[in-house]
Amino acid sequence: MSRLDDALQRQIDLNQTRNVLHTRLGQTIEIDPEFLAVLEELCAKDGQAFSEAALQDAISFASKTLMKRMISINQFLQIDDEKTHDLENIYLHTWKRIIKTRDIPSTLRNHHYPALTRWMSGLYPEHFIEQLKSSPAIGHVVCEEYSAELQARLLGIDIQTFKQPLLDIGCGNSAGFVRYLRTFQKQAYGFDRRIENEESFLQQSNWLDYRFEPGAWGTIVSHMAFTNHFIHVFHHDKTQLNLYGRKFNEILGSLAAGGSFHYAPGLPFIEQGIDPEKYQVEQLVVIKGISTTRITRADAYRPDQI
């Protein structure tokens, strides 16, 4: 990590509890001294310390770090390529203004952070925005990855006997469960919209874009990921309901004979309509009041019959 990247990280960390939707965010934001010092040093060189490639790398780092922080707080945010490009332009325009005015605090408070507020407003429905406009800070509620051992127990996965290969949908940034299984020499793979280090067994992808090949997987798991978003769509965004329903059927169709899909939370509004001659639906009770779902494809059923 470069000195500038480190300073950008410090600045984002310093304000991680600030509500970006607050109407006076520019007045409540704090500026990290090290971050300010680095910008002043670069500004004194008229930006000549930056090549075009280095500038783009810094902008990309800042954008990805901010988006990662936002998604860790609210996993239901959907930030597409257009929105990502808009965010990168905010950082670019901020840098150009800093070079022009040499007034870093004013540029950040009066231009950069208000621009972030407007950008963030495009990610939420209006009623949600109105509720947060008056709050300068938000709670630090983070969607963390659960330990691999806990996920195995919650999902009812026997490490020694589960049917291979396994696919983890929404495996998380570090893909901890996939890596854990591979320490036992298991055929485990995963994908997520944010992957820290892509490898041959890990892919960066959105589950709505991922192609689930028919009959490809012995076991599929998704813990607090795909079905969590499916429930959110069911209650809050009916426009995507058919899309998620088709993707759910595609996931089932990608199970090999005798293969199973383990997930939490459950989908009672979908599970009650599954054909019992094609799939067996089971509720696996973890503790009283908490269960996960396992759907197993019948050995005689061919996925191309969907």
C-alpha atoms as a PDB file:
ATOM      1  CA  MET A   1       0.000   0.000   0.000  1.00  0.00           C
ATOM      2  CA  SER A   2       1.405   3.408  -0.999  1.00  0.00           C
ATOM      3  CA  ARG A   3       1.628   6.329   1.385  1.00  0.00           C
ATOM      4  CA  LEU A   4      -1.331   7.974  -0.378  1.00  0.00           C
ATOM      5  CA  ASP A   5      -3.409   4.793  -0.233  1.00  0.00           C
ATOM      6  CA  ASP A   6      -2.627   4.529   3.465  1.00  0.00           C
ATOM      7  CA  ALA A   7      -3.689   8.149   3.982  1.00  0.00           C
ATOM      8  CA  LEU A   8      -6.930   7.587   2.037  1.00  0.00           C
ATOM      9  CA  GLN A   9      -7.646   4.524   4.152  1.00  0.00           C
ATOM     10  CA  ARG A  10      -7.075   6.548   7.339  1.00  0.00           C
ATOM     11  CA  GLN A  11      -9.437   9.294   6.156  1.00  0.00           C
ATOM     12  CA  ILE A  12     -12.205   6.814   5.316  1.00  0.00           C
ATOM     13  CA  ASP A  13     -11.693   4.957   8.603  1.00  0.00           C
ATOM     14  CA  LEU A  14     -11.829   8.207  10.585  1.00  0.00           C
ATOM     15  CA  ASN A  15     -15.294   8.993   9.228  1.00  0.00           C
ATOM     16  CA  GLN A  16     -16.697   5.481   9.061  1.00  0.00           C
ATOM     17  CA  THR A  17     -19.587   6.314  11.424  1.00  0.00           C
ATOM     18  CA  ARG A  18     -20.520   9.536   9.589  1.00  0.00           C
ATOM     19  CA  ASN A  19     -23.860   9.367   7.808  1.00  0.00           C
ATOM     20  CA  VAL A  20     -23.128  10.192   4.165  1.00  0.00           C
ATOM     21  CA  LEU A  21     -26.800  11.081   3.620  1.00  0.00           C
ATOM     22  CA  HIS A  22     -26.718  13.819   6.246  1.00  0.00           C
ATOM     23  CA  THR A  23     -27.596  17.157   4.644  1.00  0.00           C
ATOM     24  CA  ARG A  24     -24.665  18.899   6.398  1.00  0.00           C
ATOM     25  CA  LEU A  25     -22.085  16.177   6.038  1.00  0.00           C
ATOM     26  CA  GLY A  26     -19.420  18.689   4.975  1.00  0.00           C
ATOM     27  CA  GLN A  27     -19.735  20.426   8.341  1.00  0.00           C
ATOM     28  CA  THR A  28     -19.526  17.295  10.487  1.00  0.00           C
ATOM     29  CA  ILE A  29     -16.734  15.490   8.660  1.00  0.00           C
ATOM     30  CA  GLU A  30     -13.250  15.188  10.193  1.00  0.00           C
ATOM     31  CA  ILE A  31      -9.981  15.448   8.275  1.00  0.00           C
ATOM     32  CA  ASP A  32      -7.144  13.141   9.275  1.00  0.00           C
ATOM     33  CA  PRO A  33      -3.871  15.111   9.821  1.00  0.00           C
ATOM     34  CA  GLU A  34      -1.763  12.561   7.924  1.00  0.00           C
ATOM     35  CA  PHE A  35      -4.214  12.586   5.028  1.00  0.00           C
ATOM     36  CA  LEU A  36      -4.082  16.381   4.934  1.00  0.00           C
ATOM     37  CA  ALA A  37      -0.281  16.378   5.062  1.00  0.00           C
ATOM     38  CA  VAL A  38      -0.009  13.964   2.131  1.00  0.00           C
ATOM     39  CA  LEU A  39      -2.400  16.033   0.018  1.00  0.00           C
ATOM     40  CA  GLU A  40      -0.547  19.249   0.873  1.00  0.00           C
ATOM     41  CA  GLU A  41       2.742  17.636  -0.159  1.00  0.00           C
ATOM     42  CA  LEU A  42       1.291  16.527  -3.491  1.00  0.00           C
ATOM     43  CA  CYS A  43      -0.413  19.862  -4.005  1.00  0.00           C
ATOM     44  CA  ALA A  44       2.898  21.689  -3.509  1.00  0.00           C
ATOM     45  CA  LYS A  45       4.255  19.740  -6.470  1.00  0.00           C
ATOM     46  CA  ASP A  46       1.310  20.841  -8.649  1.00  0.00           C
ATOM     47  CA  GLY A  47       0.285  17.211  -8.903  1.00  0.00           C
ATOM     48  CA  GLN A  48       3.448  16.371 -10.848  1.00  0.00           C
ATOM     49  CA  ALA A  49       4.162  13.570  -8.389  1.00  0.00           C
ATOM     50  CA  PHE A  50       1.325  11.733 -10.116  1.00  0.00           C
ATOM     51  CA  SER A  51       1.472  10.009 -13.452  1.00  0.00           C
ATOM     52  CA  GLU A  52      -1.903   9.441 -15.100  1.00  0.00           C
ATOM     53  CA  ALA A  53      -1.685   5.777 -14.141  1.00  0.00           C
ATOM     54  CA  ALA A  54      -0.823   6.573 -10.511  1.00  0.00           C
ATOM     55  CA  LEU A  55      -3.704   9.051 -10.283  1.00  0.00           C
ATOM     56  CA  GLN A  56      -6.147   6.489 -11.646  1.00  0.00           C
ATOM     57  CA  ASP A  57      -4.822   3.868  -9.211  1.00  0.00           C
ATOM     58  CA  ALA A  58      -5.389   6.243  -6.281  1.00  0.00           C
ATOM     59  CA  ILE A  59      -8.904   7.080  -7.477  1.00  0.00           C
ATOM     60  CA  SER A  60      -9.714   3.399  -7.946  1.00  0.00           C
ATOM     61  CA  PHE A  61      -8.358   2.547  -4.490  1.00  0.00           C
ATOM     62  CA  ALA A  62     -10.405   5.304  -2.818  1.00  0.00           C
ATOM     63  CA  SER A  63     -13.598   4.300  -4.649  1.00  0.00           C
ATOM     64  CA  LYS A  64     -13.237   0.585  -3.940  1.00  0.00           C
ATOM     65  CA  THR A  65     -12.392   1.204  -0.281  1.00  0.00           C
ATOM     66  CA  LEU A  66     -15.422   3.441   0.205  1.00  0.00           C
ATOM     67  CA  MET A  67     -17.769   1.025  -1.573  1.00  0.00           C
ATOM     68  CA  LYS A  68     -16.438  -1.906   0.432  1.00  0.00           C
ATOM     69  CA  ARG A  69     -17.079   0.019   3.652  1.00  0.00           C
ATOM     70  CA  MET A  70     -20.608   0.925   2.538  1.00  0.00           C
ATOM     71  CA  ILE A  71     -21.490  -2.644   1.565  1.00  0.00           C
ATOM     72  CA  SER A  72     -20.107  -3.975   4.859  1.00  0.00           C
ATOM     73  CA  ILE A  73     -22.670  -1.775   6.617  1.00  0.00           C
ATOM     74  CA  ASN A  74     -25.540  -2.368   4.186  1.00  0.00           C
ATOM     75  CA  GLN A  75     -25.192  -5.530   2.115  1.00  0.00           C
ATOM     76  CA  PHE A  76     -28.310  -4.709   0.074  1.00  0.00           C
ATOM     77  CA  LEU A  77     -26.672  -1.802  -1.732  1.00  0.00           C
ATOM     78  CA  GLN A  78     -26.373  -2.355  -5.473  1.00  0.00           C
ATOM     79  CA  ILE A  79     -23.572  -0.287  -7.032  1.00  0.00           C
ATOM     80  CA  ASP A  80     -23.380  -0.886 -10.780  1.00  0.00           C
ATOM     81  CA  ASP A  81     -20.627   0.121 -13.213  1.00  0.00           C
ATOM     82  CA  GLU A  82     -22.264   3.471 -13.958  1.00  0.00           C
ATOM     83  CA  LYS A  83     -22.465   4.381 -10.288  1.00  0.00           C
ATOM     84  CA  THR A  84     -18.867   3.262  -9.776  1.00  0.00           C
ATOM     85  CA  HIS A  85     -17.766   5.483 -12.654  1.00  0.00           C
ATOM     86  CA  ASP A  86     -19.690   8.415 -11.140  1.00  0.00           C
ATOM     87  CA  LEU A  87     -17.927   7.892  -7.815  1.00  0.00           C
ATOM     88  CA  GLU A  88     -14.523   7.804  -9.474  1.00  0.00           C
ATOM     89  CA  ASN A  89     -15.354  11.087 -11.227  1.00  0.00           C
ATOM     90  CA  ILE A  90     -16.112  12.683  -7.866  1.00  0.00           C
ATOM     91  CA  TYR A  91     -12.603  11.811  -6.669  1.00  0.00           C
ATOM     92  CA  LEU A  92     -11.093  13.057  -9.938  1.00  0.00           C
ATOM     93  CA  HIS A  93     -12.933  16.398  -9.787  1.00  0.00           C
ATOM     94  CA  THR A  94     -11.961  16.801  -6.132  1.00  0.00           C
ATOM     95  CA  TRP A  95      -8.285  16.338  -6.983  1.00  0.00           C
ATOM     96  CA  LYS A  96      -8.476  18.837  -9.844  1.00  0.00           C
ATOM     97  CA  ARG A  97     -10.142  21.394  -7.582  1.00  0.00           C
ATOM     98  CA  ILE A  98      -7.518  20.895  -4.889  1.00  0.00           C
ATOM     99  CA  ILE A  99      -4.739  21.557  -7.419  1.00  0.00           C
ATOM    100  CA  LYS A 100      -6.551  24.644  -8.690  1.00  0.00           C
ATOM    101  CA  THR A 101      -7.548  26.260  -5.371  1.00  0.00           C
ATOM    102  CA  ARG A 102      -4.839  24.904  -3.001  1.00  0.00           C
ATOM    103  CA  ASP A 103      -7.592  24.938  -0.352  1.00  0.00           C
ATOM    104  CA  ILE A 104      -7.871  21.324   0.733  1.00  0.00           C
ATOM    105  CA  PRO A 105     -10.207  21.623   3.787  1.00  0.00           C
ATOM    106  CA  SER A 106     -12.690  23.835   1.941  1.00  0.00           C
ATOM    107  CA  THR A 107     -12.683  21.602  -1.121  1.00  0.00           C
ATOM    108  CA  LEU A 108     -13.354  18.528   0.995  1.00  0.00           C
ATOM    109  CA  ARG A 109     -16.053  20.080   3.177  1.00  0.00           C
ATOM    110  CA  ASN A 110     -17.879  22.230   0.618  1.00  0.00           C
ATOM    111  CA  HIS A 111     -17.503  20.193  -2.568  1.00  0.00           C
ATOM    112  CA  HIS A 112     -16.248  16.631  -2.132  1.00  0.00           C
ATOM    113  CA  TYR A 113     -18.439  15.400   0.707  1.00  0.00           C
ATOM    114  CA  PRO A 114     -21.625  17.134  -0.529  1.00  0.00           C
ATOM    115  CA  ALA A 115     -20.973  15.407  -3.867  1.00  0.00           C
ATOM    116  CA  LEU A 116     -20.750  12.083  -2.022  1.00  0.00           C
ATOM    117  CA  THR A 117     -24.091  12.857  -0.363  1.00  0.00           C
ATOM    118  CA  ARG A 118     -25.738  13.424  -3.752  1.00  0.00           C
ATOM    119  CA  TRP A 119     -24.148  10.272  -5.141  1.00  0.00           C
ATOM    120  CA  MET A 120     -25.284   8.168  -2.197  1.00  0.00           C
ATOM    121  CA  SER A 121     -28.826   9.540  -2.526  1.00  0.00           C
ATOM    122  CA  GLY A 122     -29.066   7.761  -5.865  1.00  0.00           C
ATOM    123  CA  LEU A 123     -28.596   4.385  -4.184  1.00  0.00           C
ATOM    124  CA  TYR A 124     -31.591   4.551  -1.842  1.00  0.00           C
ATOM    125  CA  PRO A 125     -35.366   5.052  -2.160  1.00  0.00           C
ATOM    126  CA  GLU A 126     -36.556   8.534  -1.259  1.00  0.00           C
ATOM    127  CA  HIS A 127     -38.393   7.514   1.936  1.00  0.00           C
ATOM    128  CA  PHE A 128     -35.176   5.978   3.288  1.00  0.00           C
ATOM    129  CA  ILE A 129     -33.177   9.110   2.512  1.00  0.00           C
ATOM    130  CA  GLU A 130     -35.661  11.365   4.310  1.00  0.00           C
ATOM    131  CA  GLN A 131     -35.340   9.330   7.498  1.00  0.00           C
ATOM    132  CA  LEU A 132     -31.556   9.750   7.573  1.00  0.00           C
ATOM    133  CA  LYS A 133     -31.086  13.353   6.472  1.00  0.00           C
ATOM    134  CA  SER A 134     -31.170  14.721  10.019  1.00  0.00           C
ATOM    135  CA  SER A 135     -28.823  12.135  11.559  1.00  0.00           C
ATOM    136  CA  PRO A 136     -25.092  13.048  11.457  1.00  0.00           C
ATOM    137  CA  ALA A 137     -23.922   9.563  12.462  1.00  0.00           C
ATOM    138  CA  ILE A 138     -24.984   5.968  11.976  1.00  0.00           C
ATOM    139  CA  GLY A 139     -24.381   2.865  14.041  1.00  0.00           C
ATOM    140  CA  HIS A 140     -21.479   0.696  12.984  1.00  0.00           C
ATOM    141  CA  VAL A 141     -23.524  -2.371  12.045  1.00  0.00           C
ATOM    142  CA  VAL A 142     -21.238  -4.582   9.971  1.00  0.00           C
ATOM    143  CA  CYS A 143     -22.103  -7.738   8.038  1.00  0.00           C
ATOM    144  CA  GLU A 144     -19.073  -9.846   8.892  1.00  0.00           C
ATOM    145  CA  GLU A 145     -18.112 -13.229   7.496  1.00  0.00           C
ATOM    146  CA  TYR A 146     -18.866 -16.049   9.902  1.00  0.00           C
ATOM    147  CA  SER A 147     -16.199 -18.587  10.778  1.00  0.00           C
ATOM    148  CA  ALA A 148     -15.890 -21.577   8.461  1.00  0.00           C
ATOM    149  CA  GLU A 149     -16.588 -24.043  11.255  1.00  0.00           C
ATOM    150  CA  LEU A 150     -19.773 -22.194  12.217  1.00  0.00           C
ATOM    151  CA  GLN A 151     -20.985 -22.059   8.618  1.00  0.00           C
ATOM    152  CA  ALA A 152     -20.427 -25.799   8.201  1.00  0.00           C
ATOM    153  CA  ARG A 153     -22.469 -26.513  11.336  1.00  0.00           C
ATOM    154  CA  LEU A 154     -25.268 -24.073  10.500  1.00  0.00           C
ATOM    155  CA  LEU A 155     -25.617 -25.334   6.932  1.00  0.00           C
ATOM    156  CA  GLY A 156     -25.442 -29.005   7.877  1.00  0.00           C
ATOM    157  CA  ILE A 157     -22.297 -29.702   5.856  1.00  0.00           C
ATOM    158  CA  ASP A 158     -20.341 -32.827   6.812  1.00  0.00           C
ATOM    159  CA  ILE A 159     -16.775 -31.931   5.839  1.00  0.00           C
ATOM    160  CA  GLN A 160     -15.840 -35.533   5.091  1.00  0.00           C
ATOM    161  CA  THR A 161     -18.902 -36.703   3.156  1.00  0.00           C
ATOM    162  CA  PHE A 162     -20.497 -33.777   1.305  1.00  0.00           C
ATOM    163  CA  LYS A 163     -20.975 -34.291  -2.427  1.00  0.00           C
ATOM    164  CA  GLN A 164     -18.313 -32.569  -4.546  1.00  0.00           C
ATOM    165  CA  PRO A 165     -17.677 -30.193  -6.176  1.00  0.00           C
ATOM    166  CA  LEU A 166     -19.034 -27.461  -3.921  1.00  0.00           C
ATOM    167  CA  LEU A 167     -19.930 -23.893  -4.895  1.00  0.00           C
ATOM    168  CA  ASP A 168     -20.286 -21.097  -2.320  1.00  0.00           C
ATOM    169  CA  ILE A 169     -22.611 -18.344  -3.583  1.00  0.00           C
ATOM    170  CA  GLY A 170     -21.629 -15.015  -2.042  1.00  0.00           C
ATOM    171  CA  CYS A 171     -18.542 -16.500  -0.391  1.00  0.00           C
ATOM    172  CA  GLY A 172     -17.382 -13.130   1.023  1.00  0.00           C
ATOM    173  CA  ASN A 173     -14.278 -11.041   0.414  1.00  0.00           C
ATOM    174  CA  SER A 174     -11.868 -13.564   1.887  1.00  0.00           C
ATOM    175  CA  ALA A 175     -13.825 -16.712   0.913  1.00  0.00           C
ATOM    176  CA  GLY A 176     -13.052 -18.233   4.312  1.00  0.00           C
ATOM    177  CA  PHE A 177     -15.380 -21.231   3.975  1.00  0.00           C
ATOM    178  CA  VAL A 178     -14.042 -22.185   0.544  1.00  0.00           C
ATOM    179  CA  ARG A 179     -10.440 -21.910   1.713  1.00  0.00           C
ATOM    180  CA  TYR A 180     -11.250 -23.945   4.811  1.00  0.00           C
ATOM    181  CA  LEU A 181     -12.697 -26.795   2.719  1.00  0.00           C
ATOM    182  CA  ARG A 182      -9.713 -26.777   0.407  1.00  0.00           C
ATOM    183  CA  THR A 183      -7.395 -27.423   3.357  1.00  0.00           C
ATOM    184  CA  PHE A 184      -9.108 -30.838   3.438  1.00  0.00           C
ATOM    185  CA  GLN A 185      -8.300 -31.284  -0.286  1.00  0.00           C
ATOM    186  CA  LYS A 186     -11.960 -30.783  -1.217  1.00  0.00           C
ATOM    187  CA  GLN A 187     -13.142 -29.453  -4.564  1.00  0.00           C
ATOM    188  CA  ALA A 188     -14.560 -26.144  -3.322  1.00  0.00           C
ATOM    189  CA  TYR A 189     -15.170 -22.992  -5.330  1.00  0.00           C
ATOM    190  CA  GLY A 190     -16.800 -19.653  -4.686  1.00  0.00           C
ATOM    191  CA  PHE A 191     -17.731 -16.293  -6.083  1.00  0.00           C
ATOM    192  CA  ASP A 192     -18.647 -12.919  -4.644  1.00  0.00           C
ATOM    193  CA  ARG A 193     -19.072  -9.372  -5.954  1.00  0.00           C
ATOM    194  CA  ARG A 194     -16.045  -8.417  -3.841  1.00  0.00           C
ATOM    195  CA  ILE A 195     -13.058 -10.773  -3.828  1.00  0.00           C
ATOM    196  CA  GLU A 196      -9.815  -9.633  -2.207  1.00  0.00           C
ATOM    197  CA  ASN A 197      -7.616 -12.017  -4.187  1.00  0.00           C
ATOM    198  CA  GLU A 198      -8.975 -13.826  -7.236  1.00  0.00           C
ATOM    199  CA  GLU A 199      -7.605 -17.335  -7.664  1.00  0.00           C
ATOM    200  CA  SER A 200      -8.365 -20.318  -9.883  1.00  0.00           C
ATOM    201  CA  PHE A 201     -11.099 -21.416  -7.475  1.00  0.00           C
ATOM    202  CA  LEU A 202     -12.491 -17.930  -6.752  1.00  0.00           C
ATOM    203  CA  GLN A 203     -14.316 -15.578  -9.075  1.00  0.00           C
ATOM    204  CA  GLN A 204     -15.573 -12.019  -8.724  1.00  0.00           C
ATOM    205  CA  SER A 205     -19.165 -11.984  -9.918  1.00  0.00           C
ATOM    206  CA  ASN A 206     -22.698 -10.967  -9.032  1.00  0.00           C
ATOM    207  CA  TRP A 207     -25.008 -13.959  -8.550  1.00  0.00           C
ATOM    208  CA  LEU A 208     -27.509 -12.467 -10.999  1.00  0.00           C
ATOM    209  CA  ASP A 209     -24.796 -12.491 -13.686  1.00  0.00           C
ATOM    210  CA  TYR A 210     -23.205 -15.823 -12.792  1.00  0.00           C
ATOM    211  CA  ARG A 211     -24.058 -18.710 -15.127  1.00  0.00           C
ATOM    212  CA  PHE A 212     -25.059 -21.850 -13.217  1.00  0.00           C
ATOM    213  CA  GLU A 213     -24.344 -24.707 -15.611  1.00  0.00           C
ATOM    214  CA  PRO A 214     -26.909 -27.574 -15.529  1.00  0.00           C
ATOM    215  CA  GLY A 215     -25.872 -30.523 -13.386  1.00  0.00           C
ATOM    216  CA  ALA A 216     -22.479 -29.030 -12.530  1.00  0.00           C
ATOM    217  CA  TRP A 217     -22.445 -29.016  -8.714  1.00  0.00           C
ATOM    218  CA  GLY A 218     -22.653 -31.711  -6.073  1.00  0.00           C
ATOM    219  CA  THR A 219     -23.259 -29.172  -3.309  1.00  0.00           C
ATOM    220  CA  ILE A 220     -24.175 -25.488  -3.371  1.00  0.00           C
ATOM    221  CA  VAL A 221     -24.174 -23.312  -0.257  1.00  0.00           C
ATOM    222  CA  SER A 222     -25.177 -19.731   0.446  1.00  0.00           C
ATOM    223  CA  HIS A 223     -25.059 -18.422   3.986  1.00  0.00           C
ATOM    224  CA  MET A 224     -26.764 -15.059   4.634  1.00  0.00           C
ATOM    225  CA  ALA A 225     -26.193 -14.114   0.997  1.00  0.00           C
ATOM    226  CA  PHE A 226     -28.397 -14.992  -2.011  1.00  0.00           C
ATOM    227  CA  THR A 227     -31.526 -15.922  -0.072  1.00  0.00           C
ATOM    228  CA  ASN A 228     -31.074 -12.975   2.285  1.00  0.00           C
ATOM    229  CA  HIS A 229     -31.257 -10.687  -0.744  1.00  0.00           C
ATOM    230  CA  PHE A 230     -34.142 -12.708  -2.199  1.00  0.00           C
ATOM    231  CA  ILE A 231     -36.151 -11.981   0.961  1.00  0.00           C
ATOM    232  CA  HIS A 232     -35.208  -8.296   0.768  1.00  0.00           C
ATOM    233  CA  VAL A 233     -36.427  -8.173  -2.840  1.00  0.00           C
ATOM    234  CA  PHE A 234     -39.646 -10.016  -1.906  1.00  0.00           C
ATOM    235  CA  HIS A 235     -40.518  -7.384   0.689  1.00  0.00           C
ATOM    236  CA  HIS A 236     -38.990  -4.211  -0.745  1.00  0.00           C
ATOM    237  CA  ASP A 237     -38.316  -4.447  -4.493  1.00  0.00           C
ATOM    238  CA  LYS A 238     -40.922  -6.390  -6.459  1.00  0.00           C
ATOM    239  CA  THR A 239     -39.316  -5.292  -9.745  1.00  0.00           C
ATOM    240  CA  GLN A 240     -36.554  -7.884  -9.218  1.00  0.00           C
ATOM    241  CA  LEU A 241     -38.731 -10.680  -7.855  1.00  0.00           C
ATOM    242  CA  ASN A 242     -39.099 -12.605 -11.131  1.00  0.00           C
ATOM    243  CA  LEU A 243     -35.370 -12.203 -11.793  1.00  0.00           C
ATOM    244  CA  TYR A 244     -34.500 -13.760  -8.438  1.00  0.00           C
ATOM    245  CA  GLY A 245     -37.085 -16.489  -8.928  1.00  0.00           C
ATOM    246  CA  ARG A 246     -35.577 -17.495 -12.283  1.00  0.00           C
ATOM    247  CA  LYS A 247     -32.087 -17.451 -10.790  1.00  0.00           C
ATOM    248  CA  PHE A 248     -33.251 -19.688  -7.924  1.00  0.00           C
ATOM    249  CA  ASN A 249     -34.553 -22.224 -10.464  1.00  0.00           C
ATOM    250  CA  GLU A 250     -31.269 -21.974 -12.355  1.00  0.00           C
ATOM    251  CA  ILE A 251     -29.380 -22.779  -9.143  1.00  0.00           C
ATOM    252  CA  LEU A 252     -31.529 -25.872  -8.537  1.00  0.00           C
ATOM    253  CA  GLY A 253     -30.997 -26.929 -12.141  1.00  0.00           C
ATOM    254  CA  SER A 254     -27.234 -26.776 -11.650  1.00  0.00           C
ATOM    255  CA  LEU A 255     -27.321 -29.540  -9.026  1.00  0.00           C
ATOM    256  CA  ALA A 256     -25.991 -32.935 -10.050  1.00  0.00           C
ATOM    257  CA  ALA A 257     -28.066 -36.060  -9.386  1.00  0.00           C
ATOM    258  CA  GLY A 258     -28.388 -36.354  -5.616  1.00  0.00           C
ATOM    259  CA  GLY A 259     -26.822 -32.919  -5.163  1.00  0.00           C
ATOM    260  CA  SER A 260     -28.072 -30.462  -2.558  1.00  0.00           C
ATOM    261  CA  PHE A 261     -28.466 -26.719  -2.048  1.00  0.00           C
ATOM    262  CA  HIS A 262     -27.892 -25.597   1.563  1.00  0.00           C
ATOM    263  CA  TYR A 263     -28.861 -22.040   2.464  1.00  0.00           C
ATOM    264  CA  ALA A 264     -29.941 -19.639   5.162  1.00  0.00           C
ATOM    265  CA  PRO A 265     -32.250 -17.874   5.680  1.00  0.00           C
ATOM    266  CA  GLY A 266     -35.058 -20.024   4.304  1.00  0.00           C
ATOM    267  CA  LEU A 267     -37.508 -19.021   1.581  1.00  0.00           C
ATOM    268  CA  PRO A 268     -40.957 -20.255   2.688  1.00  0.00           C
ATOM    269  CA  PHE A 269     -42.689 -18.289  -0.087  1.00  0.00           C
ATOM    270  CA  ILE A 270     -40.704 -20.318  -2.659  1.00  0.00           C
ATOM    271  CA  GLU A 271     -40.127 -23.638  -0.924  1.00  0.00           C
ATOM    272  CA  GLN A 272     -43.837 -24.439  -0.597  1.00  0.00           C
ATOM    273  CA  GLY A 273     -44.161 -24.506  -4.378  1.00  0.00           C
ATOM    274  CA  ILE A 274     -41.218 -26.828  -5.151  1.00  0.00           C
ATOM    275  CA  ASP A 275     -42.197 -30.092  -6.895  1.00  0.00           C
ATOM    276  CA  PRO A 276     -41.651 -32.918  -4.346  1.00  0.00           C
ATOM    277  CA  GLU A 277     -41.106 -35.434  -7.154  1.00  0.00           C
ATOM    278  CA  LYS A 278     -38.052 -33.484  -8.323  1.00  0.00           C
ATOM    279  CA  TYR A 279     -36.616 -32.120  -5.080  1.00  0.00           C
ATOM    280  CA  GLN A 280     -36.714 -32.935  -1.383  1.00  0.00           C
ATOM    281  CA  VAL A 281     -36.988 -29.864   0.850  1.00  0.00           C
ATOM    282  CA  GLU A 282     -35.789 -30.183   4.453  1.00  0.00           C
ATOM    283  CA  GLN A 283     -35.602 -27.740   7.345  1.00  0.00           C
ATOM    284  CA  LEU A 284     -32.454 -28.341   9.378  1.00  0.00           C
ATOM    285  CA  VAL A 285     -32.990 -27.116  12.932  1.00  0.00           C
ATOM    286  CA  VAL A 286     -29.807 -25.577  14.349  1.00  0.00           C
ATOM    287  CA  ILE A 287     -31.240 -24.470  17.673  1.00  0.00           C
ATOM    288  CA  LYS A 288     -34.804 -23.757  18.717  1.00  0.00           C
ATOM    289  CA  GLY A 289     -36.266 -21.115  16.442  1.00  0.00           C
ATOM    290  CA  ILE A 290     -33.329 -21.131  14.012  1.00  0.00           C
ATOM    291  CA  SER A 291     -33.110 -23.409  10.988  1.00  0.00           C
ATOM    292  CA  THR A 292     -31.532 -23.625   7.558  1.00  0.00           C
ATOM    293  CA  THR A 293     -32.885 -25.217   4.393  1.00  0.00           C
ATOM    294  CA  ARG A 294     -31.500 -28.116   2.362  1.00  0.00           C
ATOM    295  CA  ILE A 295     -32.950 -28.919  -1.060  1.00  0.00           C
ATOM    296  CA  THR A 296     -31.792 -32.225  -2.573  1.00  0.00           C
ATOM    297  CA  ARG A 297     -32.311 -33.140  -6.211  1.00  0.00           C
ATOM    298  CA  ALA A 298     -33.837 -36.553  -6.787  1.00  0.00           C
ATOM    299  CA  ASP A 299     -31.366 -38.989  -8.362  1.00  0.00           C
ATOM    300  CA  ALA A 300     -33.762 -39.802 -11.201  1.00  0.00           C
ATOM    301  CA  TYR A 301     -34.514 -36.167 -12.065  1.00  0.00           C
ATOM    302  CA  ARG A 302     -32.615 -34.528 -14.920  1.00  0.00           C
ATOM    303  CA  PRO A 303     -31.973 -30.751 -14.541  1.00  0.00           C
ATOM    304  CA  ASP A 304     -32.641 -30.129 -18.246  1.00  0.00           C
ATOM    305  CA  GLN A 305     -36.292 -30.981 -17.533  1.00  0.00           C
ATOM    306  CA  ILE A 306     -36.816 -27.568 -15.898  1.00  0.00           C
END
